[in-house]
């Protein structure tokens, strides 16, 4: 039963990250803030930095959710989700290098920040567990 809960916790976090990211992207596309397809290579650094920030926030939230839903060892679940995010980020960075979908720094920043954001999400969940236990 714990295995099912563990897998479910990680999947819930992953789904949250995907849904929030895609929904935000769609809102930005629909409002004309962000173009569809490739990101501009130059001149839109602020926009791309904003995309990076909201994706990191969503990653922290997804890892937090995975840790909160997890049976024992919440940090492990957050870091497993972070490792999955790291693999997706590496694949995205390699695809970007081949197809030049945007500036190279953006996907590599996601690679570098994948595990730290997972750790932050896990730490927030652990802190919440400790405060609810002591309350």
N, C-alpha and C. Protein backbone atom coordinates (compact mmCIF):
# COMPACT_ATOMS: atom_id res chain seq x y z
N UNK A 1 0.83 -1.21 0.00
CA UNK A 1 0.00 0.00 0.00
C UNK A 1 0.86 1.26 0.00
N UNK A 2 1.97 1.24 0.75
CA UNK A 2 2.85 2.41 0.75
C UNK A 2 3.44 2.68 -0.62
N UNK A 3 3.70 1.63 -1.41
CA UNK A 3 4.24 1.83 -2.76
C UNK A 3 3.24 2.56 -3.63
N UNK A 4 1.98 2.17 -3.52
CA UNK A 4 0.93 2.84 -4.30
C UNK A 4 0.82 4.30 -3.89
N UNK A 5 0.86 4.56 -2.58
CA UNK A 5 0.80 5.95 -2.10
C UNK A 5 2.02 6.73 -2.55
N UNK A 6 3.19 6.10 -2.54
CA UNK A 6 4.41 6.78 -2.97
C UNK A 6 4.33 7.18 -4.44
N UNK A 7 3.94 6.24 -5.27
CA UNK A 7 3.81 6.52 -6.70
C UNK A 7 2.74 7.58 -6.93
N UNK A 8 1.63 7.46 -6.22
CA UNK A 8 0.55 8.44 -6.35
C UNK A 8 0.98 9.84 -5.93
N UNK A 9 1.77 9.91 -4.86
CA UNK A 9 2.26 11.21 -4.39
C UNK A 9 3.14 11.88 -5.43
N UNK A 10 4.06 11.11 -6.01
CA UNK A 10 4.96 11.67 -7.03
C UNK A 10 4.18 12.04 -8.28
N UNK A 11 3.24 11.18 -8.69
CA UNK A 11 2.42 11.50 -9.87
C UNK A 11 1.56 12.74 -9.64
N UNK A 12 1.02 12.89 -8.45
CA UNK A 12 0.21 14.08 -8.15
C UNK A 12 1.05 15.35 -8.27
N UNK A 13 2.27 15.30 -7.75
CA UNK A 13 3.16 16.45 -7.87
C UNK A 13 3.52 16.75 -9.31
N UNK A 14 3.80 15.71 -10.07
CA UNK A 14 4.15 15.87 -11.49
C UNK A 14 2.98 16.45 -12.27
N UNK A 15 1.79 15.94 -12.03
CA UNK A 15 0.59 16.45 -12.71
C UNK A 15 0.35 17.91 -12.36
N UNK A 16 0.52 18.26 -11.09
CA UNK A 16 0.34 19.66 -10.68
C UNK A 16 1.29 20.57 -11.45
N UNK A 17 2.55 20.17 -11.53
CA UNK A 17 3.54 20.98 -12.25
C UNK A 17 3.15 21.14 -13.72
N UNK A 18 2.78 20.04 -14.36
CA UNK A 18 2.41 20.09 -15.78
C UNK A 18 1.17 20.95 -16.00
N UNK A 19 0.14 20.74 -15.20
CA UNK A 19 -1.12 21.47 -15.39
C UNK A 19 -0.91 22.97 -15.19
N UNK A 20 -0.23 23.34 -14.10
CA UNK A 20 0.00 24.77 -13.85
C UNK A 20 0.87 25.40 -14.94
N UNK A 21 1.91 24.69 -15.37
CA UNK A 21 2.81 25.23 -16.40
C UNK A 21 2.08 25.41 -17.73
N UNK A 22 1.35 24.38 -18.14
CA UNK A 22 0.64 24.46 -19.42
C UNK A 22 -0.46 25.53 -19.37
N UNK A 23 -1.19 25.59 -18.26
CA UNK A 23 -2.25 26.59 -18.13
C UNK A 23 -1.68 28.01 -18.19
N UNK A 24 -0.57 28.24 -17.49
CA UNK A 24 0.03 29.57 -17.50
C UNK A 24 0.57 29.91 -18.89
N UNK A 25 1.22 28.94 -19.54
CA UNK A 25 1.69 29.16 -20.90
C UNK A 25 0.53 29.54 -21.82
N UNK A 26 -0.58 28.82 -21.70
CA UNK A 26 -1.74 29.10 -22.56
C UNK A 26 -2.31 30.49 -22.32
N UNK A 27 -2.37 30.90 -21.06
CA UNK A 27 -2.84 32.26 -20.76
C UNK A 27 -1.90 33.28 -21.38
N UNK A 28 -0.60 33.06 -21.26
CA UNK A 28 0.37 34.00 -21.84
C UNK A 28 0.31 34.02 -23.36
N UNK A 29 0.04 32.86 -23.97
CA UNK A 29 -0.13 32.82 -25.43
C UNK A 29 -1.41 33.54 -25.85
N UNK A 30 -2.49 33.23 -25.16
CA UNK A 30 -3.80 33.80 -25.52
C UNK A 30 -3.83 35.32 -25.36
N UNK A 31 -3.08 35.84 -24.40
CA UNK A 31 -3.05 37.29 -24.19
C UNK A 31 -1.99 37.99 -25.04
N UNK A 32 -1.23 37.21 -25.80
CA UNK A 32 -0.20 37.79 -26.66
C UNK A 32 1.08 38.18 -25.93
N UNK A 33 1.19 37.81 -24.68
CA UNK A 33 2.40 38.14 -23.92
C UNK A 33 3.57 37.29 -24.38
N UNK A 34 3.29 36.02 -24.69
CA UNK A 34 4.35 35.10 -25.11
C UNK A 34 3.97 34.50 -26.45
N UNK A 35 4.89 34.51 -27.41
CA UNK A 35 4.57 33.93 -28.72
C UNK A 35 4.49 32.40 -28.63
N UNK A 36 3.70 31.82 -29.52
CA UNK A 36 3.65 30.35 -29.62
C UNK A 36 4.91 29.87 -30.33
N UNK A 37 5.31 28.66 -30.02
CA UNK A 37 6.49 28.08 -30.66
C UNK A 37 7.76 28.48 -29.94
N UNK A 38 8.78 28.77 -30.71
CA UNK A 38 10.09 29.08 -30.15
C UNK A 38 10.07 30.41 -29.40
N UNK A 39 10.84 30.44 -28.32
CA UNK A 39 11.00 31.69 -27.57
C UNK A 39 11.98 32.59 -28.33
N UNK A 40 11.81 33.90 -28.22
CA UNK A 40 12.75 34.81 -28.90
C UNK A 40 14.18 34.60 -28.37
N UNK A 41 15.14 34.63 -29.27
CA UNK A 41 16.54 34.42 -28.89
C UNK A 41 17.10 35.64 -28.16
N UNK A 42 16.66 36.81 -28.55
CA UNK A 42 17.15 38.04 -27.92
C UNK A 42 16.00 39.02 -27.76
N UNK A 43 16.14 39.91 -26.79
CA UNK A 43 15.17 40.97 -26.62
C UNK A 43 13.99 40.64 -25.72
N UNK A 44 13.91 39.39 -25.26
CA UNK A 44 12.79 39.01 -24.39
C UNK A 44 13.30 38.34 -23.12
N UNK A 45 14.45 38.78 -22.68
CA UNK A 45 15.07 38.16 -21.51
C UNK A 45 14.19 38.26 -20.27
N UNK A 46 13.51 39.40 -20.11
CA UNK A 46 12.61 39.57 -18.96
C UNK A 46 11.45 38.58 -18.99
N UNK A 47 10.87 38.39 -20.17
CA UNK A 47 9.79 37.43 -20.34
C UNK A 47 10.28 36.02 -20.01
N UNK A 48 11.41 35.65 -20.55
CA UNK A 48 11.93 34.30 -20.33
C UNK A 48 12.32 34.10 -18.87
N UNK A 49 12.85 35.11 -18.24
CA UNK A 49 13.15 35.04 -16.81
C UNK A 49 11.86 34.86 -16.01
N UNK A 50 10.79 35.54 -16.42
CA UNK A 50 9.50 35.36 -15.77
C UNK A 50 8.98 33.95 -15.92
N UNK A 51 9.14 33.37 -17.11
CA UNK A 51 8.74 31.97 -17.34
C UNK A 51 9.54 31.05 -16.43
N UNK A 52 10.83 31.30 -16.32
CA UNK A 52 11.69 30.51 -15.45
C UNK A 52 11.20 30.59 -14.00
N UNK A 53 10.86 31.78 -13.55
CA UNK A 53 10.42 31.97 -12.17
C UNK A 53 9.12 31.21 -11.90
N UNK A 54 8.13 31.34 -12.79
CA UNK A 54 6.88 30.64 -12.48
C UNK A 54 7.05 29.14 -12.59
N UNK A 55 7.89 28.67 -13.47
CA UNK A 55 8.13 27.22 -13.53
C UNK A 55 8.83 26.72 -12.27
N UNK A 56 9.73 27.51 -11.72
CA UNK A 56 10.39 27.11 -10.47
C UNK A 56 9.39 27.10 -9.32
N UNK A 57 8.53 28.09 -9.27
CA UNK A 57 7.50 28.13 -8.22
C UNK A 57 6.59 26.91 -8.34
N UNK A 58 6.20 26.56 -9.56
CA UNK A 58 5.35 25.39 -9.77
C UNK A 58 6.09 24.10 -9.42
N UNK A 59 7.39 24.06 -9.70
CA UNK A 59 8.19 22.88 -9.35
C UNK A 59 8.26 22.72 -7.83
N UNK A 60 8.49 23.82 -7.14
CA UNK A 60 8.51 23.77 -5.66
C UNK A 60 7.15 23.30 -5.15
N UNK A 61 6.07 23.84 -5.72
CA UNK A 61 4.72 23.45 -5.28
C UNK A 61 4.45 21.97 -5.54
N UNK A 62 4.86 21.48 -6.70
CA UNK A 62 4.65 20.07 -7.02
C UNK A 62 5.45 19.16 -6.10
N UNK A 63 6.68 19.53 -5.80
CA UNK A 63 7.51 18.73 -4.90
C UNK A 63 6.98 18.80 -3.47
N UNK A 64 6.46 19.96 -3.10
CA UNK A 64 5.81 20.11 -1.79
C UNK A 64 4.61 19.16 -1.70
N UNK A 65 3.79 19.15 -2.75
CA UNK A 65 2.61 18.29 -2.77
C UNK A 65 3.02 16.82 -2.67
N UNK A 66 4.02 16.42 -3.44
CA UNK A 66 4.49 15.04 -3.40
C UNK A 66 4.95 14.67 -1.99
N UNK A 67 5.67 15.56 -1.36
CA UNK A 67 6.16 15.30 -0.01
C UNK A 67 5.02 15.25 1.01
N UNK A 68 4.04 16.11 0.86
CA UNK A 68 2.91 16.14 1.79
C UNK A 68 2.03 14.89 1.66
N UNK A 69 1.87 14.40 0.45
CA UNK A 69 1.03 13.23 0.23
C UNK A 69 1.77 11.92 0.50
N UNK A 70 3.07 12.00 0.59
CA UNK A 70 3.89 10.80 0.72
C UNK A 70 3.70 10.13 2.07
N UNK A 71 3.83 8.81 2.05
CA UNK A 71 3.96 8.13 3.33
C UNK A 71 5.31 8.55 3.94
N UNK A 72 5.86 7.82 4.85
CA UNK A 72 7.12 8.27 5.46
C UNK A 72 8.18 8.67 4.43
N UNK A 73 9.13 9.48 4.85
CA UNK A 73 10.24 10.00 4.03
C UNK A 73 9.77 10.98 2.96
N UNK A 74 9.17 12.08 3.37
CA UNK A 74 8.67 13.06 2.40
C UNK A 74 9.77 13.66 1.53
N UNK A 75 10.95 13.90 2.10
CA UNK A 75 12.03 14.50 1.29
C UNK A 75 12.43 13.58 0.15
N UNK A 76 12.43 12.29 0.40
CA UNK A 76 12.79 11.35 -0.67
C UNK A 76 11.82 11.48 -1.84
N UNK A 77 10.54 11.63 -1.54
CA UNK A 77 9.54 11.75 -2.61
C UNK A 77 9.72 13.06 -3.38
N UNK A 78 10.01 14.13 -2.67
CA UNK A 78 10.25 15.41 -3.34
C UNK A 78 11.48 15.30 -4.25
N UNK A 79 12.52 14.65 -3.77
CA UNK A 79 13.75 14.52 -4.58
C UNK A 79 13.58 13.57 -5.75
N UNK A 80 12.75 12.54 -5.59
CA UNK A 80 12.45 11.66 -6.73
C UNK A 80 11.76 12.48 -7.82
N UNK A 81 10.80 13.29 -7.43
CA UNK A 81 10.13 14.15 -8.40
C UNK A 81 11.13 15.14 -9.01
N UNK A 82 12.04 15.66 -8.19
CA UNK A 82 13.08 16.55 -8.70
C UNK A 82 13.98 15.85 -9.71
N UNK A 83 14.29 14.57 -9.46
CA UNK A 83 15.12 13.80 -10.41
C UNK A 83 14.37 13.59 -11.73
N UNK A 84 13.07 13.36 -11.65
CA UNK A 84 12.26 13.24 -12.87
C UNK A 84 12.29 14.58 -13.62
N UNK A 85 12.13 15.67 -12.89
CA UNK A 85 12.21 17.00 -13.50
C UNK A 85 13.58 17.25 -14.11
N UNK A 86 14.63 16.78 -13.44
CA UNK A 86 15.98 16.92 -13.98
C UNK A 86 16.12 16.20 -15.32
N UNK A 87 15.59 14.99 -15.39
CA UNK A 87 15.65 14.25 -16.66
C UNK A 87 14.88 14.96 -17.77
N UNK A 88 13.67 15.43 -17.45
CA UNK A 88 12.90 16.18 -18.45
C UNK A 88 13.63 17.45 -18.87
N UNK A 89 14.25 18.12 -17.91
CA UNK A 89 14.97 19.36 -18.21
C UNK A 89 16.18 19.11 -19.10
N UNK A 90 16.89 18.03 -18.83
CA UNK A 90 18.05 17.68 -19.68
C UNK A 90 17.58 17.38 -21.10
N UNK A 91 16.48 16.62 -21.22
CA UNK A 91 15.95 16.33 -22.56
C UNK A 91 15.54 17.62 -23.26
N UNK A 92 14.92 18.54 -22.52
CA UNK A 92 14.53 19.83 -23.10
C UNK A 92 15.73 20.66 -23.52
N UNK A 93 16.78 20.65 -22.71
CA UNK A 93 17.98 21.40 -23.05
C UNK A 93 18.66 20.83 -24.30
N UNK A 94 18.67 19.51 -24.40
CA UNK A 94 19.27 18.88 -25.59
C UNK A 94 18.43 19.15 -26.83
N UNK A 95 17.10 19.11 -26.69
CA UNK A 95 16.22 19.43 -27.83
C UNK A 95 16.41 20.89 -28.24
N UNK A 96 16.54 21.77 -27.25
CA UNK A 96 16.77 23.19 -27.55
C UNK A 96 18.08 23.39 -28.29
N UNK A 97 19.10 22.65 -27.92
CA UNK A 97 20.39 22.76 -28.60
C UNK A 97 20.28 22.33 -30.06
N UNK A 98 19.46 21.33 -30.34
CA UNK A 98 19.28 20.84 -31.71
C UNK A 98 18.39 21.75 -32.55
N UNK A 99 17.29 22.23 -31.95
CA UNK A 99 16.27 22.94 -32.73
C UNK A 99 16.26 24.45 -32.48
N UNK A 100 17.09 24.92 -31.57
CA UNK A 100 17.17 26.34 -31.24
C UNK A 100 15.77 26.93 -30.99
N UNK A 101 15.12 26.41 -29.96
CA UNK A 101 13.77 26.84 -29.60
C UNK A 101 13.76 28.09 -28.74
N UNK A 102 14.92 28.55 -28.36
CA UNK A 102 15.05 29.71 -27.51
C UNK A 102 16.48 29.83 -27.03
N UNK A 103 16.76 30.81 -26.18
CA UNK A 103 18.13 30.99 -25.71
C UNK A 103 18.58 29.77 -24.89
N UNK A 104 19.85 29.42 -25.05
CA UNK A 104 20.39 28.22 -24.41
C UNK A 104 20.36 28.30 -22.88
N UNK A 105 20.45 29.50 -22.32
CA UNK A 105 20.54 29.62 -20.87
C UNK A 105 19.26 29.18 -20.16
N UNK A 106 18.11 29.34 -20.82
CA UNK A 106 16.84 29.02 -20.17
C UNK A 106 16.71 27.53 -19.81
N UNK A 107 16.84 26.60 -20.77
CA UNK A 107 16.68 25.19 -20.37
C UNK A 107 17.79 24.71 -19.45
N UNK A 108 19.00 25.26 -19.61
CA UNK A 108 20.08 24.84 -18.71
C UNK A 108 19.87 25.38 -17.31
N UNK A 109 19.22 26.52 -17.18
CA UNK A 109 18.86 27.02 -15.84
C UNK A 109 17.86 26.08 -15.19
N UNK A 110 16.92 25.56 -15.98
CA UNK A 110 15.97 24.58 -15.44
C UNK A 110 16.70 23.32 -14.97
N UNK A 111 17.70 22.89 -15.72
CA UNK A 111 18.49 21.72 -15.33
C UNK A 111 19.16 21.98 -13.98
N UNK A 112 19.83 23.11 -13.88
CA UNK A 112 20.58 23.43 -12.66
C UNK A 112 19.66 23.58 -11.45
N UNK A 113 18.47 24.12 -11.65
CA UNK A 113 17.58 24.43 -10.54
C UNK A 113 16.58 23.31 -10.20
N UNK A 114 16.58 22.22 -10.95
CA UNK A 114 15.62 21.14 -10.72
C UNK A 114 15.72 20.56 -9.31
N UNK A 115 16.90 20.12 -8.93
CA UNK A 115 17.04 19.49 -7.62
C UNK A 115 16.95 20.49 -6.47
N UNK A 116 17.54 21.70 -6.59
CA UNK A 116 17.33 22.66 -5.50
C UNK A 116 15.86 23.01 -5.27
N UNK A 117 15.07 23.14 -6.34
CA UNK A 117 13.65 23.45 -6.14
C UNK A 117 12.92 22.27 -5.50
N UNK A 118 13.32 21.04 -5.84
CA UNK A 118 12.73 19.86 -5.20
C UNK A 118 13.07 19.84 -3.72
N UNK A 119 14.30 20.18 -3.40
CA UNK A 119 14.73 20.21 -2.00
C UNK A 119 13.93 21.25 -1.21
N UNK A 120 13.73 22.42 -1.82
CA UNK A 120 12.94 23.47 -1.15
C UNK A 120 11.51 22.98 -0.90
N UNK A 121 10.89 22.37 -1.91
CA UNK A 121 9.54 21.84 -1.73
C UNK A 121 9.48 20.79 -0.64
N UNK A 122 10.46 19.90 -0.62
CA UNK A 122 10.52 18.89 0.43
C UNK A 122 10.73 19.48 1.80
N UNK A 123 11.60 20.49 1.88
CA UNK A 123 11.88 21.15 3.16
C UNK A 123 10.64 21.85 3.69
N UNK A 124 9.90 22.52 2.80
CA UNK A 124 8.66 23.18 3.22
C UNK A 124 7.65 22.17 3.75
N UNK A 125 7.56 21.02 3.11
CA UNK A 125 6.63 19.99 3.57
C UNK A 125 7.07 19.42 4.91
N UNK A 126 8.37 19.21 5.08
CA UNK A 126 8.88 18.72 6.36
C UNK A 126 8.60 19.72 7.47
N UNK A 127 8.81 20.97 7.18
CA UNK A 127 8.56 22.03 8.18
C UNK A 127 7.09 22.05 8.57
N UNK A 128 6.22 21.89 7.58
CA UNK A 128 4.78 21.87 7.85
C UNK A 128 4.41 20.67 8.72
N UNK A 129 5.01 19.52 8.44
CA UNK A 129 4.74 18.32 9.26
C UNK A 129 5.19 18.54 10.69
N UNK A 130 6.37 19.15 10.87
CA UNK A 130 6.88 19.39 12.21
C UNK A 130 5.99 20.34 12.99
N UNK A 131 5.51 21.40 12.32
CA UNK A 131 4.66 22.35 13.03
C UNK A 131 3.30 21.75 13.34
N UNK A 132 2.80 20.86 12.49
CA UNK A 132 1.49 20.24 12.78
C UNK A 132 1.61 19.18 13.87
N UNK A 133 2.80 18.56 13.99
CA UNK A 133 3.03 17.57 15.04
C UNK A 133 3.14 18.27 16.40
N UNK A 134 3.82 19.40 16.44
CA UNK A 134 4.06 20.10 17.70
C UNK A 134 2.87 20.96 18.12
N UNK A 135 1.95 21.21 17.20
CA UNK A 135 0.80 22.07 17.53
C UNK A 135 -0.24 21.35 18.34
